[in-house]
Amino acid sequence: MKTFIGCLLLVLGSLLAQGQDVILKNNGDELKVKVLEINLSYILYKLPANGSDSVFQIGKAEVFMVSYANGQKDVMSASNPVAESPAPRSPAEFTWLGRQDARRYYSGNKALWGSMAASTIGFLPVPIVVAVMKPKMSHEAVSDVVLLANPAYVRAYQKQAHRTKVGQTALGTALGLVCYGLLINAAGPH
């Protein structure tokens, strides 16, 4: 029973580690939100604490920084290349934007939970297959769908998203193996 509770606490702890995004306004106020979209003039977000599906908007001029649940941060200032040049012109700019969008919009949570579930029951080929498969891009997972026409952007996005997916798969596999070990230990002779 202690082992089961330990495994359950481990899973719940990883759920809590997912966290929330934080918008830090210029006046110092913090908003705990789920950022949906950042475009040239405003930020769309939801308030997970109130439990509704209402979408709110705040002007980028009012925001100093956005801190994402995955640890990434975007400073909304003149030094931010996205704010300076809304339409990148060089392949290097498209590559940079592709990496940034993948960090911002691709979480790899499905890979994490799938790998954890498969590893918990001892079926290790699943995480290997999950890690090898390239992540799918969707129109909702980019800052601007027009960018999908640029090969440098798409390549950089896919490469960064695949790195994230492999990392999440490894984390899920490790958590699953820990749970598997705890379950085997609990089922052993007493």
N, C-alpha and C. Protein backbone atom coordinates (compact mmCIF):
# COMPACT_ATOMS: atom_id res chain seq x y z
N MET A 1 0.82 -1.19 0.00
CA MET A 1 0.00 0.00 0.00
C MET A 1 0.87 1.26 0.00
N LYS A 2 1.96 1.23 0.79
CA LYS A 2 2.86 2.38 0.83
C LYS A 2 3.47 2.64 -0.54
N THR A 3 3.78 1.57 -1.25
CA THR A 3 4.38 1.70 -2.58
C THR A 3 3.39 2.33 -3.55
N PHE A 4 2.13 1.89 -3.46
CA PHE A 4 1.11 2.46 -4.34
C PHE A 4 0.93 3.95 -4.07
N ILE A 5 0.91 4.33 -2.81
CA ILE A 5 0.76 5.74 -2.45
C ILE A 5 1.97 6.53 -2.93
N GLY A 6 3.16 5.96 -2.80
CA GLY A 6 4.37 6.62 -3.29
C GLY A 6 4.32 6.85 -4.79
N CYS A 7 3.86 5.83 -5.52
CA CYS A 7 3.74 5.95 -6.98
C CYS A 7 2.70 7.02 -7.35
N LEU A 8 1.59 7.01 -6.61
CA LEU A 8 0.54 7.99 -6.86
C LEU A 8 1.05 9.41 -6.59
N LEU A 9 1.81 9.59 -5.52
CA LEU A 9 2.37 10.90 -5.23
C LEU A 9 3.36 11.35 -6.30
N LEU A 10 4.12 10.40 -6.83
CA LEU A 10 5.06 10.71 -7.91
C LEU A 10 4.32 11.22 -9.15
N VAL A 11 3.24 10.55 -9.50
CA VAL A 11 2.45 10.95 -10.67
C VAL A 11 1.80 12.31 -10.42
N LEU A 12 1.22 12.50 -9.26
CA LEU A 12 0.58 13.79 -8.95
C LEU A 12 1.60 14.92 -8.91
N GLY A 13 2.79 14.63 -8.41
CA GLY A 13 3.85 15.64 -8.39
C GLY A 13 4.24 16.07 -9.79
N SER A 14 4.30 15.12 -10.71
CA SER A 14 4.65 15.48 -12.09
C SER A 14 3.52 16.27 -12.73
N LEU A 15 2.27 16.01 -12.34
CA LEU A 15 1.16 16.80 -12.85
C LEU A 15 1.26 18.25 -12.37
N LEU A 16 1.57 18.42 -11.10
CA LEU A 16 1.69 19.77 -10.56
C LEU A 16 2.87 20.52 -11.15
N ALA A 17 3.89 19.79 -11.58
CA ALA A 17 5.08 20.42 -12.16
C ALA A 17 4.78 21.08 -13.50
N GLN A 18 3.66 20.72 -14.11
CA GLN A 18 3.30 21.32 -15.40
C GLN A 18 3.10 22.83 -15.25
N GLY A 19 2.49 23.29 -14.15
CA GLY A 19 2.40 24.70 -13.85
C GLY A 19 1.53 25.50 -14.78
N GLN A 20 1.72 26.80 -14.71
CA GLN A 20 0.96 27.74 -15.50
C GLN A 20 1.90 28.76 -16.10
N ASP A 21 1.39 29.47 -17.09
CA ASP A 21 2.13 30.59 -17.65
C ASP A 21 1.87 31.81 -16.75
N VAL A 22 2.82 32.74 -16.75
CA VAL A 22 2.67 33.96 -15.96
C VAL A 22 2.93 35.16 -16.86
N ILE A 23 2.00 36.10 -16.86
CA ILE A 23 2.19 37.37 -17.57
C ILE A 23 2.57 38.41 -16.52
N LEU A 24 3.75 39.00 -16.69
CA LEU A 24 4.22 40.05 -15.79
C LEU A 24 4.00 41.38 -16.49
N LYS A 25 3.09 42.17 -15.93
CA LYS A 25 2.75 43.45 -16.55
C LYS A 25 3.82 44.50 -16.20
N ASN A 26 3.84 45.59 -16.97
CA ASN A 26 4.79 46.67 -16.75
C ASN A 26 4.67 47.29 -15.36
N ASN A 27 3.45 47.27 -14.79
CA ASN A 27 3.24 47.85 -13.47
C ASN A 27 3.58 46.89 -12.33
N GLY A 28 4.06 45.67 -12.66
CA GLY A 28 4.47 44.70 -11.65
C GLY A 28 3.43 43.65 -11.33
N ASP A 29 2.20 43.81 -11.81
CA ASP A 29 1.16 42.82 -11.56
C ASP A 29 1.48 41.52 -12.30
N GLU A 30 1.14 40.39 -11.67
CA GLU A 30 1.33 39.08 -12.28
C GLU A 30 -0.03 38.44 -12.53
N LEU A 31 -0.18 37.87 -13.72
CA LEU A 31 -1.39 37.14 -14.05
C LEU A 31 -1.01 35.68 -14.28
N LYS A 32 -1.61 34.74 -13.52
CA LYS A 32 -1.38 33.31 -13.74
C LYS A 32 -2.42 32.85 -14.74
N VAL A 33 -1.94 32.49 -15.94
CA VAL A 33 -2.83 32.25 -17.07
C VAL A 33 -2.34 31.06 -17.89
N LYS A 34 -3.09 30.76 -18.94
CA LYS A 34 -2.65 29.86 -20.00
C LYS A 34 -2.61 30.71 -21.26
N VAL A 35 -1.40 31.00 -21.75
CA VAL A 35 -1.25 31.84 -22.94
C VAL A 35 -1.67 31.03 -24.16
N LEU A 36 -2.56 31.61 -24.95
CA LEU A 36 -3.05 30.94 -26.16
C LEU A 36 -2.35 31.43 -27.41
N GLU A 37 -2.11 32.74 -27.47
CA GLU A 37 -1.51 33.30 -28.69
C GLU A 37 -0.85 34.63 -28.36
N ILE A 38 0.28 34.87 -29.01
CA ILE A 38 0.94 36.17 -28.94
C ILE A 38 1.12 36.63 -30.37
N ASN A 39 0.55 37.79 -30.69
CA ASN A 39 0.77 38.33 -32.03
C ASN A 39 1.43 39.69 -31.92
N LEU A 40 1.41 40.45 -32.98
CA LEU A 40 2.15 41.71 -32.99
C LEU A 40 1.64 42.76 -32.00
N SER A 41 0.33 42.74 -31.67
CA SER A 41 -0.17 43.82 -30.83
C SER A 41 -0.81 43.37 -29.52
N TYR A 42 -1.17 42.10 -29.37
CA TYR A 42 -1.82 41.67 -28.14
C TYR A 42 -1.51 40.21 -27.82
N ILE A 43 -1.89 39.82 -26.59
CA ILE A 43 -1.72 38.46 -26.09
C ILE A 43 -3.10 37.93 -25.72
N LEU A 44 -3.44 36.75 -26.23
CA LEU A 44 -4.69 36.09 -25.86
C LEU A 44 -4.39 35.05 -24.80
N TYR A 45 -5.24 34.98 -23.77
CA TYR A 45 -5.01 34.03 -22.68
C TYR A 45 -6.31 33.62 -22.03
N LYS A 46 -6.24 32.51 -21.27
CA LYS A 46 -7.35 32.04 -20.45
C LYS A 46 -6.91 32.08 -18.99
N LEU A 47 -7.88 32.21 -18.11
CA LEU A 47 -7.63 32.16 -16.68
C LEU A 47 -8.05 30.77 -16.18
N PRO A 48 -7.10 29.86 -16.01
CA PRO A 48 -7.47 28.51 -15.59
C PRO A 48 -8.09 28.47 -14.19
N ALA A 49 -7.80 29.45 -13.36
CA ALA A 49 -8.30 29.46 -11.99
C ALA A 49 -9.82 29.64 -11.94
N ASN A 50 -10.40 30.37 -12.91
CA ASN A 50 -11.83 30.60 -12.83
C ASN A 50 -12.64 29.50 -13.51
N GLY A 51 -11.98 28.56 -14.19
CA GLY A 51 -12.65 27.39 -14.73
C GLY A 51 -13.52 27.64 -15.95
N SER A 52 -13.54 28.84 -16.48
CA SER A 52 -14.36 29.08 -17.67
C SER A 52 -13.50 29.02 -18.92
N ASP A 53 -14.16 28.95 -20.05
CA ASP A 53 -13.44 28.91 -21.32
C ASP A 53 -13.32 30.31 -21.94
N SER A 54 -13.54 31.35 -21.15
CA SER A 54 -13.45 32.71 -21.66
C SER A 54 -12.01 33.04 -22.06
N VAL A 55 -11.88 33.72 -23.18
CA VAL A 55 -10.56 34.13 -23.66
C VAL A 55 -10.43 35.63 -23.42
N PHE A 56 -9.30 36.03 -22.83
CA PHE A 56 -9.03 37.43 -22.53
C PHE A 56 -7.90 37.94 -23.40
N GLN A 57 -7.81 39.25 -23.51
CA GLN A 57 -6.79 39.88 -24.36
C GLN A 57 -6.13 41.00 -23.58
N ILE A 58 -4.81 41.11 -23.74
CA ILE A 58 -4.06 42.21 -23.14
C ILE A 58 -3.09 42.74 -24.19
N GLY A 59 -2.94 44.04 -24.25
CA GLY A 59 -2.03 44.65 -25.21
C GLY A 59 -0.58 44.33 -24.86
N LYS A 60 0.24 44.05 -25.87
CA LYS A 60 1.66 43.74 -25.61
C LYS A 60 2.38 44.92 -24.97
N ALA A 61 1.90 46.14 -25.24
CA ALA A 61 2.54 47.32 -24.67
C ALA A 61 2.40 47.34 -23.14
N GLU A 62 1.38 46.65 -22.60
CA GLU A 62 1.16 46.60 -21.16
C GLU A 62 1.99 45.51 -20.47
N VAL A 63 2.65 44.65 -21.27
CA VAL A 63 3.31 43.47 -20.73
C VAL A 63 4.82 43.63 -20.79
N PHE A 64 5.48 43.33 -19.65
CA PHE A 64 6.93 43.33 -19.62
C PHE A 64 7.48 41.98 -20.09
N MET A 65 6.90 40.87 -19.53
CA MET A 65 7.45 39.56 -19.84
C MET A 65 6.36 38.49 -19.68
N VAL A 66 6.51 37.42 -20.47
CA VAL A 66 5.68 36.24 -20.33
C VAL A 66 6.61 35.09 -19.94
N SER A 67 6.28 34.43 -18.84
CA SER A 67 7.05 33.28 -18.36
C SER A 67 6.17 32.05 -18.55
N TYR A 68 6.63 31.09 -19.34
CA TYR A 68 5.83 29.91 -19.67
C TYR A 68 6.04 28.81 -18.65
N ALA A 69 5.10 27.89 -18.58
CA ALA A 69 5.16 26.78 -17.64
C ALA A 69 6.39 25.90 -17.87
N ASN A 70 6.89 25.86 -19.11
CA ASN A 70 8.06 25.01 -19.41
C ASN A 70 9.38 25.70 -19.08
N GLY A 71 9.33 26.92 -18.50
CA GLY A 71 10.54 27.62 -18.09
C GLY A 71 11.02 28.67 -19.09
N GLN A 72 10.49 28.68 -20.30
CA GLN A 72 10.88 29.68 -21.30
C GLN A 72 10.30 31.04 -20.90
N LYS A 73 10.99 32.09 -21.33
CA LYS A 73 10.53 33.45 -21.05
C LYS A 73 10.64 34.29 -22.30
N ASP A 74 9.65 35.14 -22.52
CA ASP A 74 9.67 36.10 -23.61
C ASP A 74 9.54 37.50 -23.02
N VAL A 75 10.52 38.35 -23.30
CA VAL A 75 10.47 39.73 -22.85
C VAL A 75 9.86 40.55 -23.97
N MET A 76 8.83 41.31 -23.65
CA MET A 76 8.13 42.12 -24.64
C MET A 76 8.73 43.52 -24.64
N SER A 77 9.89 43.66 -25.28
CA SER A 77 10.55 44.96 -25.33
C SER A 77 11.12 45.19 -26.71
N ALA A 78 11.72 46.33 -26.90
CA ALA A 78 12.31 46.66 -28.21
C ALA A 78 13.47 45.73 -28.54
N SER A 79 14.05 45.06 -27.54
CA SER A 79 15.16 44.17 -27.82
C SER A 79 14.70 42.79 -28.28
N ASN A 80 13.39 42.54 -28.27
CA ASN A 80 12.85 41.26 -28.71
C ASN A 80 12.79 41.25 -30.24
N PRO A 81 13.53 40.37 -30.93
CA PRO A 81 13.55 40.35 -32.38
C PRO A 81 12.18 40.15 -33.01
N VAL A 82 11.29 39.42 -32.35
CA VAL A 82 9.96 39.23 -32.92
C VAL A 82 9.22 40.56 -32.93
N ALA A 83 9.38 41.35 -31.85
CA ALA A 83 8.69 42.64 -31.79
C ALA A 83 9.27 43.62 -32.80
N GLU A 84 10.58 43.54 -33.05
CA GLU A 84 11.21 44.47 -33.98
C GLU A 84 10.85 44.18 -35.43
N SER A 85 10.87 42.93 -35.81
CA SER A 85 10.64 42.60 -37.21
C SER A 85 9.55 41.55 -37.33
N PRO A 86 8.32 41.97 -37.52
CA PRO A 86 7.21 41.03 -37.59
C PRO A 86 7.32 40.06 -38.77
N ALA A 87 8.01 40.45 -39.82
CA ALA A 87 8.16 39.58 -40.98
C ALA A 87 9.65 39.32 -41.19
N PRO A 88 10.18 38.23 -40.63
CA PRO A 88 11.60 37.96 -40.80
C PRO A 88 11.96 37.84 -42.28
N ARG A 89 13.17 38.26 -42.61
CA ARG A 89 13.56 38.25 -44.02
C ARG A 89 14.66 37.24 -44.33
N SER A 90 15.53 36.96 -43.38
CA SER A 90 16.64 36.05 -43.66
C SER A 90 16.31 34.65 -43.15
N PRO A 91 16.97 33.63 -43.73
CA PRO A 91 16.76 32.27 -43.23
C PRO A 91 17.10 32.12 -41.75
N ALA A 92 18.10 32.86 -41.29
CA ALA A 92 18.48 32.80 -39.87
C ALA A 92 17.34 33.30 -38.98
N GLU A 93 16.65 34.35 -39.42
CA GLU A 93 15.53 34.87 -38.64
C GLU A 93 14.37 33.87 -38.63
N PHE A 94 14.10 33.24 -39.78
CA PHE A 94 13.05 32.23 -39.83
C PHE A 94 13.41 31.03 -38.95
N THR A 95 14.68 30.66 -38.95
CA THR A 95 15.14 29.55 -38.13
C THR A 95 14.97 29.88 -36.65
N TRP A 96 15.37 31.07 -36.25
CA TRP A 96 15.22 31.50 -34.86
C TRP A 96 13.75 31.48 -34.46
N LEU A 97 12.88 32.01 -35.32
CA LEU A 97 11.46 32.07 -35.01
C LEU A 97 10.85 30.67 -34.94
N GLY A 98 11.30 29.77 -35.80
CA GLY A 98 10.82 28.39 -35.76
C GLY A 98 11.16 27.72 -34.43
N ARG A 99 12.39 27.92 -33.96
CA ARG A 99 12.79 27.35 -32.67
C ARG A 99 11.97 27.95 -31.53
N GLN A 100 11.80 29.27 -31.56
CA GLN A 100 11.04 29.95 -30.51
C GLN A 100 9.60 29.46 -30.47
N ASP A 101 8.97 29.34 -31.63
CA ASP A 101 7.58 28.88 -31.67
C ASP A 101 7.46 27.45 -31.19
N ALA A 102 8.41 26.59 -31.52
CA ALA A 102 8.36 25.21 -31.04
C ALA A 102 8.50 25.17 -29.53
N ARG A 103 9.37 25.99 -28.97
CA ARG A 103 9.52 26.04 -27.51
C ARG A 103 8.25 26.54 -26.85
N ARG A 104 7.61 27.50 -27.49
CA ARG A 104 6.42 28.12 -26.92
C ARG A 104 5.18 27.26 -27.09
N TYR A 105 4.98 26.65 -28.25
CA TYR A 105 3.71 26.01 -28.56
C TYR A 105 3.72 24.49 -28.52
N TYR A 106 4.89 23.85 -28.58
CA TYR A 106 4.92 22.38 -28.57
C TYR A 106 5.35 21.91 -27.18
N SER A 107 4.49 21.16 -26.50
CA SER A 107 4.80 20.74 -25.13
C SER A 107 5.32 19.32 -25.05
N GLY A 108 4.88 18.43 -25.92
CA GLY A 108 5.29 17.03 -25.85
C GLY A 108 4.64 16.26 -24.72
N ASN A 109 3.54 16.79 -24.16
CA ASN A 109 2.88 16.13 -23.03
C ASN A 109 2.32 14.76 -23.39
N LYS A 110 1.83 14.59 -24.61
CA LYS A 110 1.30 13.28 -25.02
C LYS A 110 2.42 12.24 -25.00
N ALA A 111 3.61 12.62 -25.45
CA ALA A 111 4.75 11.70 -25.42
C ALA A 111 5.12 11.36 -23.99
N LEU A 112 5.08 12.33 -23.09
CA LEU A 112 5.40 12.10 -21.69
C LEU A 112 4.44 11.09 -21.09
N TRP A 113 3.15 11.33 -21.20
CA TRP A 113 2.16 10.46 -20.56
C TRP A 113 2.08 9.09 -21.22
N GLY A 114 2.20 9.04 -22.54
CA GLY A 114 2.18 7.75 -23.23
C GLY A 114 3.37 6.89 -22.85
N SER A 115 4.54 7.50 -22.79
CA SER A 115 5.75 6.77 -22.41
C SER A 115 5.68 6.32 -20.96
N MET A 116 5.14 7.18 -20.12
CA MET A 116 5.02 6.81 -18.71
C MET A 116 4.07 5.63 -18.53
N ALA A 117 2.92 5.69 -19.22
CA ALA A 117 1.94 4.60 -19.11
C ALA A 117 2.53 3.29 -19.63
N ALA A 118 3.18 3.33 -20.79
CA ALA A 118 3.75 2.10 -21.36
C ALA A 118 4.86 1.55 -20.49
N SER A 119 5.70 2.41 -19.94
CA SER A 119 6.81 1.96 -19.09
C SER A 119 6.31 1.41 -17.76
N THR A 120 5.22 1.97 -17.26
CA THR A 120 4.66 1.49 -16.00
C THR A 120 4.19 0.05 -16.11
N ILE A 121 3.70 -0.33 -17.27
CA ILE A 121 3.25 -1.72 -17.45
C ILE A 121 4.36 -2.58 -18.04
N GLY A 122 5.55 -2.01 -18.22
CA GLY A 122 6.70 -2.79 -18.67
C GLY A 122 6.81 -2.98 -20.17
N PHE A 123 6.11 -2.19 -20.95
CA PHE A 123 6.13 -2.33 -22.40
C PHE A 123 7.04 -1.25 -22.99
N LEU A 124 8.34 -1.50 -23.01
CA LEU A 124 9.34 -0.51 -23.39
C LEU A 124 9.45 -0.18 -24.88
N PRO A 125 8.98 -1.02 -25.81
CA PRO A 125 9.07 -0.61 -27.22
C PRO A 125 8.27 0.65 -27.54
N VAL A 126 7.19 0.91 -26.80
CA VAL A 126 6.35 2.08 -27.09
C VAL A 126 7.13 3.39 -26.96
N PRO A 127 7.86 3.63 -25.85
CA PRO A 127 8.60 4.89 -25.77
C PRO A 127 9.64 5.05 -26.88
N ILE A 128 10.24 3.94 -27.30
CA ILE A 128 11.22 4.02 -28.38
C ILE A 128 10.55 4.47 -29.66
N VAL A 129 9.40 3.89 -29.98
CA VAL A 129 8.66 4.27 -31.20
C VAL A 129 8.20 5.72 -31.10
N VAL A 130 7.70 6.11 -29.93
CA VAL A 130 7.23 7.49 -29.73
C VAL A 130 8.36 8.48 -29.95
N ALA A 131 9.54 8.18 -29.41
CA ALA A 131 10.68 9.10 -29.53
C ALA A 131 11.17 9.22 -30.97
N VAL A 132 11.07 8.15 -31.74
CA VAL A 132 11.57 8.17 -33.12
C VAL A 132 10.63 8.94 -34.04
N MET A 133 9.33 8.88 -33.78
CA MET A 133 8.36 9.56 -34.65
C MET A 133 8.49 11.08 -34.54
N LYS A 134 8.48 11.74 -35.69
CA LYS A 134 8.57 13.20 -35.69
C LYS A 134 7.24 13.80 -35.25
N PRO A 135 7.28 14.90 -34.51
CA PRO A 135 6.03 15.52 -34.07
C PRO A 135 5.27 16.13 -35.25
N LYS A 136 3.96 16.15 -35.12
CA LYS A 136 3.12 16.73 -36.16
C LYS A 136 2.94 18.22 -35.90
N MET A 137 2.97 18.99 -36.97
CA MET A 137 2.75 20.43 -36.85
C MET A 137 1.28 20.71 -37.14
N SER A 138 0.71 21.62 -36.38
CA SER A 138 -0.67 22.04 -36.64
C SER A 138 -0.71 23.56 -36.76
N HIS A 139 -1.75 24.03 -37.38
CA HIS A 139 -1.89 25.48 -37.57
C HIS A 139 -2.07 26.21 -36.24
N GLU A 140 -2.57 25.49 -35.22
CA GLU A 140 -2.77 26.11 -33.92
C GLU A 140 -1.47 26.21 -33.12
N ALA A 141 -0.45 25.49 -33.54
CA ALA A 141 0.79 25.42 -32.76
C ALA A 141 1.89 26.32 -33.31
N VAL A 142 1.53 27.37 -34.03
CA VAL A 142 2.50 28.31 -34.56
C VAL A 142 2.00 29.73 -34.31
N SER A 143 2.90 30.69 -34.32
CA SER A 143 2.50 32.08 -34.06
C SER A 143 1.77 32.69 -35.25
N ASP A 144 2.10 32.24 -36.47
CA ASP A 144 1.47 32.77 -37.67
C ASP A 144 1.49 31.69 -38.74
N VAL A 145 0.33 31.30 -39.26
CA VAL A 145 0.26 30.20 -40.23
C VAL A 145 1.01 30.52 -41.52
N VAL A 146 1.23 31.78 -41.81
CA VAL A 146 1.98 32.17 -43.02
C VAL A 146 3.42 31.64 -42.94
N LEU A 147 3.94 31.51 -41.74
CA LEU A 147 5.31 31.02 -41.56
C LEU A 147 5.49 29.58 -42.01
N LEU A 148 4.40 28.81 -42.06
CA LEU A 148 4.49 27.41 -42.48
C LEU A 148 4.91 27.26 -43.94
N ALA A 149 4.87 28.34 -44.69
CA ALA A 149 5.30 28.30 -46.09
C ALA A 149 6.81 28.41 -46.22
N ASN A 150 7.49 28.77 -45.13
CA ASN A 150 8.94 28.93 -45.19
C ASN A 150 9.64 27.66 -44.74
N PRO A 151 10.47 27.05 -45.61
CA PRO A 151 11.13 25.78 -45.25
C PRO A 151 12.10 25.91 -44.07
N ALA A 152 12.79 27.03 -43.93
CA ALA A 152 13.73 27.21 -42.82
C ALA A 152 12.97 27.22 -41.49
N TYR A 153 11.83 27.90 -41.47
CA TYR A 153 10.99 27.95 -40.27
C TYR A 153 10.50 26.55 -39.91
N VAL A 154 9.97 25.83 -40.89
CA VAL A 154 9.41 24.50 -40.65
C VAL A 154 10.49 23.54 -40.16
N ARG A 155 11.66 23.57 -40.79
CA ARG A 155 12.77 22.70 -40.38
C ARG A 155 13.17 22.96 -38.93
N ALA A 156 13.34 24.24 -38.60
CA ALA A 156 13.76 24.61 -37.24
C ALA A 156 12.69 24.24 -36.21
N TYR A 157 11.42 24.48 -36.55
CA TYR A 157 10.32 24.14 -35.65
C TYR A 157 10.31 22.63 -35.39
N GLN A 158 10.38 21.84 -36.48
CA GLN A 158 10.32 20.39 -36.34
C GLN A 158 11.51 19.85 -35.54
N LYS A 159 12.69 20.40 -35.78
CA LYS A 159 13.88 19.94 -35.08
C LYS A 159 13.76 20.23 -33.58
N GLN A 160 13.35 21.45 -33.22
CA GLN A 160 13.20 21.80 -31.81
C GLN A 160 12.07 21.01 -31.16
N ALA A 161 10.95 20.85 -31.86
CA ALA A 161 9.83 20.09 -31.31
C ALA A 161 10.23 18.63 -31.10
N HIS A 162 11.04 18.08 -32.01
CA HIS A 162 11.48 16.69 -31.86
C HIS A 162 12.40 16.56 -30.64
N ARG A 163 13.26 17.54 -30.42
CA ARG A 163 14.11 17.52 -29.21
C ARG A 163 13.25 17.52 -27.95
N THR A 164 12.24 18.37 -27.94
CA THR A 164 11.34 18.43 -26.80
C THR A 164 10.62 17.10 -26.61
N LYS A 165 10.16 16.51 -27.72
CA LYS A 165 9.44 15.24 -27.65
C LYS A 165 10.34 14.13 -27.10
N VAL A 166 11.58 14.07 -27.55
CA VAL A 166 12.51 13.05 -27.06
C VAL A 166 12.76 13.25 -25.56
N GLY A 167 12.93 14.49 -25.13
CA GLY A 167 13.12 14.76 -23.71
C GLY A 167 11.93 14.36 -22.87
N GLN A 168 10.74 14.69 -23.35
CA GLN A 168 9.52 14.33 -22.63
C GLN A 168 9.33 12.81 -22.60
N THR A 169 9.69 12.14 -23.70
CA THR A 169 9.61 10.68 -23.75
C THR A 169 10.56 10.06 -22.74
N ALA A 170 11.78 10.58 -22.66
CA ALA A 170 12.75 10.07 -21.70
C ALA A 170 12.26 10.28 -20.27
N LEU A 171 11.72 11.45 -19.99
CA LEU A 171 11.19 11.72 -18.65
C LEU A 171 10.03 10.78 -18.33
N GLY A 172 9.12 10.61 -19.28
CA GLY A 172 7.99 9.70 -19.07
C GLY A 172 8.44 8.27 -18.85
N THR A 173 9.43 7.84 -19.62
CA THR A 173 9.96 6.48 -19.47
C THR A 173 10.59 6.31 -18.09
N ALA A 174 11.37 7.28 -17.66
CA ALA A 174 12.00 7.20 -16.33
C ALA A 174 10.95 7.15 -15.23
N LEU A 175 9.95 8.01 -15.30
CA LEU A 175 8.88 7.99 -14.29
C LEU A 175 8.13 6.66 -14.32
N GLY A 176 7.86 6.16 -15.53
CA GLY A 176 7.16 4.88 -15.67
C GLY A 176 7.97 3.73 -15.11
N LEU A 177 9.28 3.73 -15.34
CA LEU A 177 10.13 2.66 -14.81
C LEU A 177 10.19 2.71 -13.29
N VAL A 178 10.19 3.92 -12.73
CA VAL A 178 10.15 4.04 -11.27
C VAL A 178 8.84 3.46 -10.74
N CYS A 179 7.74 3.80 -11.36
CA CYS A 179 6.44 3.25 -10.95
C CYS A 179 6.41 1.73 -11.14
N TYR A 180 6.97 1.25 -12.24
CA TYR A 180 7.03 -0.18 -12.51
C TYR A 180 7.82 -0.88 -11.40
N GLY A 181 8.96 -0.32 -11.05
CA GLY A 181 9.76 -0.89 -9.98
C GLY A 181 9.02 -0.91 -8.65
N LEU A 182 8.31 0.18 -8.36
CA LEU A 182 7.54 0.24 -7.12
C LEU A 182 6.42 -0.79 -7.12
N LEU A 183 5.78 -0.96 -8.26
CA LEU A 183 4.69 -1.95 -8.35
C LEU A 183 5.22 -3.36 -8.21
N ILE A 184 6.35 -3.66 -8.86
CA ILE A 184 6.96 -4.99 -8.75
C ILE A 184 7.39 -5.25 -7.31
N ASN A 185 7.97 -4.25 -6.68
CA ASN A 185 8.39 -4.37 -5.28
C ASN A 185 7.18 -4.61 -4.37
N ALA A 186 6.08 -3.93 -4.64
CA ALA A 186 4.89 -4.09 -3.82
C ALA A 186 4.26 -5.45 -4.02
N ALA A 187 4.37 -6.01 -5.22
CA ALA A 187 3.76 -7.29 -5.52
C ALA A 187 4.62 -8.46 -5.06
N GLY A 188 5.86 -8.18 -4.69
CA GLY A 188 6.79 -9.23 -4.27
C GLY A 188 6.36 -9.90 -2.99
N PRO A 189 7.11 -10.95 -2.59
CA PRO A 189 6.75 -11.69 -1.36
C PRO A 189 6.91 -10.81 -0.12
N HIS A 190 5.99 -10.98 0.80
CA HIS A 190 6.03 -10.21 2.05
C HIS A 190 6.34 -11.08 3.21
